[in-house]
Amino acid sequence: MIVALIQRFYLQKLINVIGISDIKVVTWVRHCWKSELLLALKSYIENLIPNSI
C-alpha cells in the first residue's frame, strides 16, 4: 500500500516534467522500485500518445 502511494507520488512528479526540455535523471536507492516506476511512466506515455514507442 505504501509502495503504491510512493510510486504514484513520484510518477506524478515525472509526469509533471514531461514537456520540459531539461535533462532528467532518475536516481534512487538500489532495489527500491525504480524499474517499476519507469515502466509505469512508459505505460502512461504509451496510453497518452498512441504509437509513441
Protein backbone atom coordinates (compact mmCIF):
# COMPACT_ATOMS: atom_id res chain seq x y z
CA MET A 1 0.00 0.00 0.00
CA ILE A 2 2.72 2.46 0.99
CA VAL A 3 4.79 1.46 -2.03
CA ALA A 4 1.88 2.26 -4.34
CA LEU A 5 1.44 5.68 -2.74
CA ILE A 6 5.15 6.44 -3.07
CA GLN A 7 5.19 5.30 -6.69
CA ARG A 8 2.11 7.37 -7.51
CA PHE A 9 3.72 10.43 -5.89
CA TYR A 10 6.96 10.09 -7.84
CA LEU A 11 5.18 9.10 -11.04
CA GLN A 12 3.19 12.33 -10.84
CA LYS A 13 6.45 14.28 -10.35
CA LEU A 14 7.84 12.68 -13.53
CA ILE A 15 4.63 13.31 -15.48
CA ASN A 16 4.73 16.98 -14.49
CA VAL A 17 8.13 17.49 -16.16
CA ILE A 18 7.45 15.61 -19.41
CA GLY A 19 7.25 18.74 -21.58
CA ILE A 20 10.29 20.46 -20.07
CA SER A 21 13.42 20.29 -22.21
CA ASP A 22 15.87 19.85 -19.31
CA ILE A 23 17.74 16.58 -18.91
CA LYS A 24 16.06 14.29 -16.39
CA VAL A 25 17.93 11.69 -14.35
CA VAL A 26 16.14 9.27 -12.07
CA THR A 27 18.36 8.23 -9.17
CA TRP A 28 17.24 6.19 -6.25
CA VAL A 29 18.45 3.73 -3.69
CA ARG A 30 19.16 0.31 -5.16
CA HIS A 31 16.28 -2.17 -5.25
CA CYS A 32 13.62 0.45 -4.48
CA TRP A 33 11.13 0.05 -7.35
CA LYS A 34 12.95 2.31 -9.79
CA SER A 35 12.31 -0.01 -12.72
CA GLU A 36 8.61 -0.33 -11.83
CA LEU A 37 8.35 3.45 -11.68
CA LEU A 38 9.92 3.80 -15.12
CA LEU A 39 7.66 1.06 -16.52
CA ALA A 40 4.64 2.94 -15.14
CA LEU A 41 5.91 6.12 -16.82
CA LYS A 42 6.38 4.24 -20.09
CA SER A 43 2.84 2.87 -19.84
CA TYR A 44 1.48 6.37 -19.15
CA ILE A 45 3.26 7.77 -22.22
CA GLU A 46 2.09 4.90 -24.41
CA ASN A 47 -1.52 5.49 -23.34
CA LEU A 48 -1.22 9.25 -23.68
CA ILE A 49 0.33 9.27 -27.15
CA PRO A 50 -0.75 6.38 -29.42
CA ASN A 51 2.13 4.86 -31.42
CA SER A 52 4.66 6.77 -29.29
CA ILE A 53 7.07 3.86 -28.75
